[in-house]
N, C-alpha and C. Protein backbone atom coordinates (compact mmCIF):
# COMPACT_ATOMS: atom_id res chain seq x y z
N MET A 1 114.07 65.62 -70.12
CA MET A 1 113.03 64.67 -69.80
C MET A 1 113.68 63.38 -69.29
N SER A 2 113.17 62.85 -68.21
CA SER A 2 113.76 61.64 -67.64
C SER A 2 112.76 60.49 -67.69
N THR A 3 113.30 59.30 -67.72
CA THR A 3 112.47 58.10 -67.73
C THR A 3 112.23 57.65 -66.30
N THR A 4 110.97 57.38 -65.98
CA THR A 4 110.67 56.89 -64.64
C THR A 4 110.77 55.38 -64.63
N LEU A 5 111.46 54.85 -63.65
CA LEU A 5 111.63 53.42 -63.51
C LEU A 5 110.83 52.94 -62.30
N ALA A 6 110.16 51.82 -62.46
CA ALA A 6 109.36 51.27 -61.36
C ALA A 6 110.27 50.70 -60.29
N LYS A 7 109.83 50.81 -59.05
CA LYS A 7 110.55 50.21 -57.94
C LYS A 7 109.67 49.13 -57.33
N LYS A 8 110.30 48.13 -56.75
CA LYS A 8 109.57 47.00 -56.19
C LYS A 8 108.60 47.45 -55.10
N GLU A 9 108.97 48.47 -54.33
CA GLU A 9 108.14 48.93 -53.22
C GLU A 9 106.92 49.70 -53.68
N THR A 10 106.98 50.34 -54.84
CA THR A 10 105.89 51.20 -55.28
C THR A 10 104.96 50.54 -56.29
N VAL A 11 105.14 49.25 -56.58
CA VAL A 11 104.31 48.58 -57.58
C VAL A 11 102.94 48.28 -56.98
N SER A 12 101.89 48.65 -57.71
CA SER A 12 100.54 48.31 -57.28
C SER A 12 100.04 47.16 -58.15
N ARG A 13 99.48 46.15 -57.51
CA ARG A 13 99.04 44.95 -58.22
C ARG A 13 97.53 44.84 -58.20
N LYS A 14 96.96 44.43 -59.34
CA LYS A 14 95.54 44.20 -59.47
C LYS A 14 95.32 42.71 -59.77
N TRP A 15 94.09 42.26 -59.65
CA TRP A 15 93.70 40.89 -59.97
C TRP A 15 92.85 40.91 -61.23
N TYR A 16 93.18 40.01 -62.17
CA TYR A 16 92.42 39.90 -63.42
C TYR A 16 91.96 38.46 -63.61
N VAL A 17 90.79 38.30 -64.22
CA VAL A 17 90.25 36.98 -64.54
C VAL A 17 90.23 36.83 -66.06
N LEU A 18 90.79 35.73 -66.55
CA LEU A 18 90.75 35.40 -67.97
C LEU A 18 89.88 34.17 -68.15
N ASP A 19 88.98 34.21 -69.11
CA ASP A 19 88.14 33.06 -69.41
C ASP A 19 88.71 32.37 -70.65
N ALA A 20 89.10 31.11 -70.50
CA ALA A 20 89.75 30.37 -71.59
C ALA A 20 88.77 29.54 -72.40
N ALA A 21 87.48 29.64 -72.12
CA ALA A 21 86.49 28.81 -72.81
C ALA A 21 86.46 29.12 -74.30
N ASP A 22 86.60 28.08 -75.12
CA ASP A 22 86.53 28.16 -76.58
C ASP A 22 87.55 29.10 -77.19
N LYS A 23 88.68 29.29 -76.52
CA LYS A 23 89.77 30.11 -77.04
C LYS A 23 91.01 29.23 -77.15
N PRO A 24 91.89 29.52 -78.10
CA PRO A 24 93.13 28.72 -78.19
C PRO A 24 93.97 28.85 -76.93
N LEU A 25 94.57 27.75 -76.52
CA LEU A 25 95.36 27.70 -75.30
C LEU A 25 96.51 28.70 -75.35
N GLY A 26 97.18 28.79 -76.48
CA GLY A 26 98.33 29.68 -76.61
C GLY A 26 97.97 31.15 -76.57
N ARG A 27 96.81 31.51 -77.13
CA ARG A 27 96.38 32.91 -77.10
C ARG A 27 96.07 33.35 -75.68
N THR A 28 95.42 32.48 -74.93
CA THR A 28 95.12 32.80 -73.53
C THR A 28 96.41 32.90 -72.72
N ALA A 29 97.37 32.00 -73.02
CA ALA A 29 98.64 32.00 -72.29
C ALA A 29 99.45 33.26 -72.57
N THR A 30 99.40 33.79 -73.79
CA THR A 30 100.15 35.01 -74.09
C THR A 30 99.58 36.21 -73.36
N VAL A 31 98.25 36.28 -73.26
CA VAL A 31 97.63 37.38 -72.53
C VAL A 31 97.99 37.29 -71.06
N ALA A 32 97.95 36.06 -70.51
CA ALA A 32 98.30 35.87 -69.10
C ALA A 32 99.75 36.22 -68.84
N ALA A 33 100.66 35.83 -69.74
CA ALA A 33 102.07 36.14 -69.56
C ALA A 33 102.32 37.64 -69.63
N THR A 34 101.60 38.34 -70.49
CA THR A 34 101.73 39.80 -70.59
C THR A 34 101.28 40.47 -69.30
N LEU A 35 100.16 40.00 -68.74
CA LEU A 35 99.66 40.58 -67.49
C LEU A 35 100.58 40.26 -66.32
N LEU A 36 101.09 39.02 -66.27
CA LEU A 36 102.00 38.63 -65.18
C LEU A 36 103.30 39.42 -65.23
N ARG A 37 103.74 39.72 -66.43
CA ARG A 37 105.01 40.45 -66.60
C ARG A 37 104.83 41.94 -66.36
N GLY A 38 103.63 42.46 -66.60
CA GLY A 38 103.36 43.89 -66.40
C GLY A 38 103.59 44.72 -67.63
N LYS A 39 103.62 44.10 -68.81
CA LYS A 39 103.91 44.84 -70.03
C LYS A 39 102.76 45.73 -70.47
N HIS A 40 101.58 45.55 -69.88
CA HIS A 40 100.43 46.37 -70.23
C HIS A 40 100.44 47.70 -69.48
N LYS A 41 101.35 47.87 -68.54
CA LYS A 41 101.42 49.08 -67.74
C LYS A 41 102.38 50.09 -68.37
N PRO A 42 102.08 51.38 -68.22
CA PRO A 42 103.01 52.39 -68.75
C PRO A 42 104.31 52.47 -67.95
N THR A 43 104.32 51.93 -66.73
CA THR A 43 105.52 51.97 -65.90
C THR A 43 106.32 50.67 -65.98
N PHE A 44 106.18 49.91 -67.07
CA PHE A 44 106.87 48.63 -67.20
C PHE A 44 108.38 48.83 -67.16
N THR A 45 109.03 48.04 -66.32
CA THR A 45 110.49 48.03 -66.21
C THR A 45 110.93 46.56 -66.30
N PRO A 46 111.81 46.20 -67.25
CA PRO A 46 112.15 44.80 -67.46
C PRO A 46 112.80 44.11 -66.26
N ASN A 47 113.54 44.85 -65.44
CA ASN A 47 114.27 44.22 -64.35
C ASN A 47 113.54 44.29 -63.01
N VAL A 48 112.27 44.72 -63.03
CA VAL A 48 111.46 44.80 -61.81
C VAL A 48 110.18 43.99 -62.04
N ASP A 49 109.79 43.23 -61.05
CA ASP A 49 108.56 42.45 -61.12
C ASP A 49 107.38 43.37 -60.86
N CYS A 50 106.77 43.89 -61.93
CA CYS A 50 105.69 44.87 -61.77
C CYS A 50 104.37 44.35 -62.35
N GLY A 51 104.22 43.04 -62.45
CA GLY A 51 103.01 42.46 -63.02
C GLY A 51 101.88 42.32 -62.03
N ASP A 52 100.76 41.81 -62.53
CA ASP A 52 99.55 41.66 -61.74
C ASP A 52 99.26 40.18 -61.49
N PHE A 53 98.23 39.93 -60.68
CA PHE A 53 97.76 38.57 -60.43
C PHE A 53 96.80 38.17 -61.54
N VAL A 54 96.86 36.91 -61.97
CA VAL A 54 96.01 36.43 -63.06
C VAL A 54 95.31 35.15 -62.62
N ILE A 55 94.00 35.11 -62.83
CA ILE A 55 93.20 33.91 -62.58
C ILE A 55 92.66 33.45 -63.93
N ILE A 56 92.95 32.21 -64.30
CA ILE A 56 92.43 31.65 -65.55
C ILE A 56 91.37 30.61 -65.19
N VAL A 57 90.16 30.82 -65.69
CA VAL A 57 89.07 29.88 -65.44
C VAL A 57 88.71 29.16 -66.75
N ASN A 58 88.02 28.03 -66.62
CA ASN A 58 87.61 27.20 -67.76
C ASN A 58 88.80 26.70 -68.57
N ALA A 59 89.85 26.27 -67.88
CA ALA A 59 91.03 25.75 -68.58
C ALA A 59 90.71 24.46 -69.32
N ASP A 60 89.71 23.72 -68.85
CA ASP A 60 89.35 22.47 -69.52
C ASP A 60 88.63 22.71 -70.84
N LYS A 61 88.11 23.93 -71.06
CA LYS A 61 87.41 24.24 -72.31
C LYS A 61 88.30 24.95 -73.32
N ALA A 62 89.58 25.14 -72.99
CA ALA A 62 90.52 25.73 -73.95
C ALA A 62 90.76 24.73 -75.07
N VAL A 63 91.01 25.23 -76.27
CA VAL A 63 91.17 24.34 -77.43
C VAL A 63 92.60 24.42 -77.95
N LEU A 64 93.02 23.33 -78.53
CA LEU A 64 94.29 23.27 -79.26
C LEU A 64 93.94 23.16 -80.74
N THR A 65 94.48 24.04 -81.57
CA THR A 65 94.13 24.07 -82.97
C THR A 65 94.92 23.04 -83.76
N GLY A 66 94.42 22.72 -84.91
CA GLY A 66 95.12 21.79 -85.80
C GLY A 66 95.13 20.37 -85.22
N LYS A 67 96.24 19.67 -85.44
CA LYS A 67 96.38 18.30 -84.96
C LYS A 67 97.25 18.22 -83.71
N LYS A 68 97.27 19.31 -82.93
CA LYS A 68 98.15 19.34 -81.76
C LYS A 68 97.75 18.33 -80.70
N LEU A 69 96.48 17.98 -80.60
CA LEU A 69 96.06 17.00 -79.60
C LEU A 69 96.73 15.64 -79.84
N GLU A 70 96.93 15.27 -81.11
CA GLU A 70 97.56 13.99 -81.43
C GLU A 70 99.07 14.10 -81.59
N ASN A 71 99.56 15.21 -82.16
CA ASN A 71 100.97 15.31 -82.53
C ASN A 71 101.86 15.95 -81.48
N LYS A 72 101.29 16.69 -80.54
CA LYS A 72 102.10 17.41 -79.55
C LYS A 72 102.28 16.54 -78.30
N TYR A 73 103.50 16.51 -77.79
CA TYR A 73 103.83 15.71 -76.61
C TYR A 73 104.49 16.59 -75.56
N TYR A 74 104.23 16.28 -74.30
CA TYR A 74 104.96 16.87 -73.19
C TYR A 74 106.03 15.87 -72.81
N ARG A 75 107.30 16.29 -72.90
CA ARG A 75 108.42 15.40 -72.62
C ARG A 75 109.20 15.93 -71.42
N HIS A 76 109.58 15.00 -70.53
CA HIS A 76 110.47 15.34 -69.44
C HIS A 76 111.34 14.13 -69.14
N HIS A 77 112.49 14.39 -68.56
CA HIS A 77 113.47 13.34 -68.32
C HIS A 77 113.77 13.26 -66.83
N SER A 78 113.87 12.04 -66.33
CA SER A 78 114.12 11.83 -64.91
C SER A 78 115.60 12.02 -64.56
N GLY A 79 116.47 11.98 -65.54
CA GLY A 79 117.90 12.09 -65.29
C GLY A 79 118.60 10.75 -65.32
N TRP A 80 117.84 9.69 -65.31
CA TRP A 80 118.40 8.34 -65.39
C TRP A 80 118.42 7.86 -66.83
N ILE A 81 119.20 6.82 -67.09
CA ILE A 81 119.29 6.26 -68.44
C ILE A 81 117.92 5.68 -68.81
N GLY A 82 117.45 6.07 -69.97
CA GLY A 82 116.13 5.60 -70.42
C GLY A 82 114.98 6.24 -69.68
N GLY A 83 115.22 7.39 -69.06
CA GLY A 83 114.21 8.02 -68.23
C GLY A 83 113.37 9.07 -68.93
N LEU A 84 113.29 9.02 -70.25
CA LEU A 84 112.47 9.99 -70.98
C LEU A 84 111.00 9.59 -70.89
N LYS A 85 110.18 10.51 -70.44
CA LYS A 85 108.74 10.26 -70.34
C LYS A 85 108.03 11.15 -71.35
N GLU A 86 107.06 10.58 -72.06
CA GLU A 86 106.28 11.33 -73.03
C GLU A 86 104.80 11.17 -72.72
N VAL A 87 104.08 12.28 -72.75
CA VAL A 87 102.64 12.26 -72.54
C VAL A 87 102.01 13.07 -73.66
N GLN A 88 101.02 12.46 -74.32
CA GLN A 88 100.32 13.14 -75.41
C GLN A 88 99.42 14.23 -74.83
N TYR A 89 99.30 15.34 -75.56
CA TYR A 89 98.50 16.46 -75.07
C TYR A 89 97.01 16.11 -74.97
N LYS A 90 96.56 15.13 -75.71
CA LYS A 90 95.17 14.69 -75.59
C LYS A 90 94.90 14.19 -74.17
N LYS A 91 95.85 13.45 -73.61
CA LYS A 91 95.72 12.93 -72.25
C LYS A 91 95.84 14.05 -71.22
N ILE A 92 96.77 14.98 -71.44
CA ILE A 92 96.95 16.09 -70.51
C ILE A 92 95.70 16.97 -70.48
N MET A 93 95.13 17.26 -71.63
CA MET A 93 93.97 18.15 -71.68
C MET A 93 92.72 17.51 -71.07
N THR A 94 92.64 16.18 -71.04
CA THR A 94 91.48 15.55 -70.41
C THR A 94 91.69 15.38 -68.91
N GLU A 95 92.92 15.06 -68.48
CA GLU A 95 93.17 14.77 -67.07
C GLU A 95 93.62 15.99 -66.26
N ARG A 96 94.54 16.78 -66.82
CA ARG A 96 95.11 17.92 -66.08
C ARG A 96 95.21 19.16 -66.97
N PRO A 97 94.09 19.78 -67.35
CA PRO A 97 94.17 20.95 -68.23
C PRO A 97 94.84 22.15 -67.56
N GLU A 98 94.81 22.21 -66.21
CA GLU A 98 95.47 23.31 -65.52
C GLU A 98 96.98 23.25 -65.75
N PHE A 99 97.53 22.04 -65.74
CA PHE A 99 98.96 21.85 -65.94
C PHE A 99 99.38 22.30 -67.34
N ALA A 100 98.56 21.99 -68.35
CA ALA A 100 98.87 22.40 -69.72
C ALA A 100 98.90 23.92 -69.85
N MET A 101 97.95 24.59 -69.18
CA MET A 101 97.92 26.05 -69.24
C MET A 101 99.11 26.64 -68.50
N GLU A 102 99.44 26.10 -67.33
CA GLU A 102 100.60 26.60 -66.58
C GLU A 102 101.89 26.41 -67.37
N LEU A 103 101.99 25.30 -68.06
CA LEU A 103 103.18 25.01 -68.85
C LEU A 103 103.33 26.01 -70.00
N ALA A 104 102.20 26.35 -70.64
CA ALA A 104 102.23 27.31 -71.74
C ALA A 104 102.63 28.70 -71.26
N VAL A 105 102.09 29.11 -70.11
CA VAL A 105 102.42 30.44 -69.57
C VAL A 105 103.87 30.46 -69.11
N LYS A 106 104.33 29.38 -68.48
CA LYS A 106 105.71 29.31 -67.98
C LYS A 106 106.73 29.46 -69.11
N GLY A 107 106.40 28.91 -70.27
CA GLY A 107 107.31 29.02 -71.42
C GLY A 107 107.40 30.42 -71.98
N MET A 108 106.45 31.29 -71.65
CA MET A 108 106.43 32.65 -72.18
C MET A 108 106.98 33.68 -71.20
N LEU A 109 107.38 33.23 -70.02
CA LEU A 109 107.96 34.14 -69.03
C LEU A 109 109.48 34.05 -69.05
N PRO A 110 110.19 35.04 -68.50
CA PRO A 110 111.65 34.98 -68.46
C PRO A 110 112.15 33.77 -67.69
N LYS A 111 113.26 33.21 -68.15
CA LYS A 111 113.83 32.02 -67.51
C LYS A 111 114.85 32.45 -66.46
N ASN A 112 114.38 33.07 -65.39
CA ASN A 112 115.25 33.49 -64.28
C ASN A 112 114.41 33.61 -63.02
N THR A 113 115.00 34.13 -61.95
CA THR A 113 114.26 34.23 -60.69
C THR A 113 113.05 35.15 -60.81
N LEU A 114 113.14 36.15 -61.66
CA LEU A 114 112.02 37.06 -61.87
C LEU A 114 110.83 36.32 -62.48
N GLY A 115 111.10 35.47 -63.47
CA GLY A 115 110.03 34.70 -64.10
C GLY A 115 109.41 33.69 -63.16
N ARG A 116 110.22 33.07 -62.31
CA ARG A 116 109.68 32.12 -61.35
C ARG A 116 108.80 32.82 -60.31
N GLU A 117 109.17 34.03 -59.95
CA GLU A 117 108.36 34.81 -59.02
C GLU A 117 107.05 35.24 -59.66
N MET A 118 107.09 35.56 -60.95
CA MET A 118 105.86 35.95 -61.66
C MET A 118 104.89 34.78 -61.74
N LEU A 119 105.42 33.58 -61.91
CA LEU A 119 104.58 32.40 -62.06
C LEU A 119 103.80 32.07 -60.78
N THR A 120 104.29 32.54 -59.63
CA THR A 120 103.58 32.29 -58.38
C THR A 120 102.28 33.09 -58.29
N ARG A 121 102.12 34.10 -59.12
CA ARG A 121 100.90 34.92 -59.11
C ARG A 121 99.85 34.43 -60.11
N LEU A 122 100.09 33.27 -60.71
CA LEU A 122 99.14 32.68 -61.65
C LEU A 122 98.29 31.63 -60.94
N ARG A 123 96.96 31.71 -61.13
CA ARG A 123 96.05 30.72 -60.59
C ARG A 123 95.22 30.18 -61.75
N VAL A 124 95.20 28.86 -61.91
CA VAL A 124 94.47 28.24 -63.02
C VAL A 124 93.44 27.28 -62.44
N TYR A 125 92.20 27.35 -62.96
CA TYR A 125 91.12 26.50 -62.49
C TYR A 125 90.46 25.81 -63.67
N LYS A 126 90.07 24.56 -63.43
CA LYS A 126 89.46 23.74 -64.47
C LYS A 126 88.08 24.26 -64.84
N GLY A 127 87.26 24.59 -63.88
CA GLY A 127 85.89 25.04 -64.13
C GLY A 127 85.77 26.55 -64.10
N ALA A 128 84.52 27.01 -64.00
CA ALA A 128 84.24 28.44 -64.03
C ALA A 128 84.35 29.09 -62.66
N GLU A 129 84.44 28.29 -61.59
CA GLU A 129 84.49 28.82 -60.23
C GLU A 129 85.93 29.00 -59.76
N HIS A 130 86.16 30.07 -59.01
CA HIS A 130 87.46 30.28 -58.37
C HIS A 130 87.20 30.82 -56.97
N LYS A 131 88.22 30.76 -56.12
CA LYS A 131 88.05 31.13 -54.71
C LYS A 131 88.70 32.46 -54.36
N HIS A 132 88.75 33.38 -55.32
CA HIS A 132 89.42 34.66 -55.09
C HIS A 132 88.46 35.84 -55.23
N GLN A 133 87.20 35.66 -54.83
CA GLN A 133 86.24 36.77 -54.93
C GLN A 133 86.59 37.89 -53.96
N ALA A 134 87.27 37.56 -52.85
CA ALA A 134 87.62 38.59 -51.87
C ALA A 134 88.60 39.61 -52.42
N GLN A 135 89.38 39.22 -53.44
CA GLN A 135 90.34 40.15 -54.04
C GLN A 135 89.70 41.06 -55.09
N LYS A 136 88.42 40.86 -55.37
CA LYS A 136 87.66 41.66 -56.35
C LYS A 136 88.37 41.71 -57.71
N PRO A 137 88.52 40.55 -58.36
CA PRO A 137 89.22 40.55 -59.66
C PRO A 137 88.36 41.17 -60.76
N GLU A 138 89.04 41.79 -61.71
CA GLU A 138 88.38 42.39 -62.86
C GLU A 138 88.46 41.42 -64.03
N ALA A 139 87.43 41.40 -64.87
CA ALA A 139 87.46 40.55 -66.06
C ALA A 139 88.29 41.23 -67.14
N TRP A 140 89.25 40.51 -67.70
CA TRP A 140 90.09 41.03 -68.78
C TRP A 140 89.53 40.51 -70.09
N THR A 141 89.20 41.41 -70.99
CA THR A 141 88.63 40.98 -72.27
C THR A 141 89.74 40.74 -73.26
N GLN A 142 89.71 39.55 -73.88
CA GLN A 142 90.70 39.20 -74.89
C GLN A 142 90.15 39.59 -76.25
N GLU A 143 91.06 39.81 -77.18
CA GLU A 143 90.63 40.15 -78.55
C GLU A 143 90.58 38.92 -79.40
């Protein structure tokens, strides 16, 4: 018995829609990362990009549990002395909820060229509307 390995040329990609309304941000991000990586497919191969396209809607209605809105910070550094910037997640979730969702999904993907390529297939929208009806996306039900 031999193991079949997926090839880049033979991968078929589907479009899925995830609704983040009233669901924890991290739970939605894990489902999205699984779909982007292709781990839900029986032909999953770790060294081949065999994932699907993911559309996340209602990112502004995603919730952070506990005291994460006050205690969690997004930190980045400019590279200069004293260049550390901190933004509270309360501000990010009100102004740019798409960025918070993308950041959560990015942290769950591989840190290499494969992961960066997977992230290009993620689309996040603040409201319930998206512009990908022509691709006929399927609704993915979360547990």
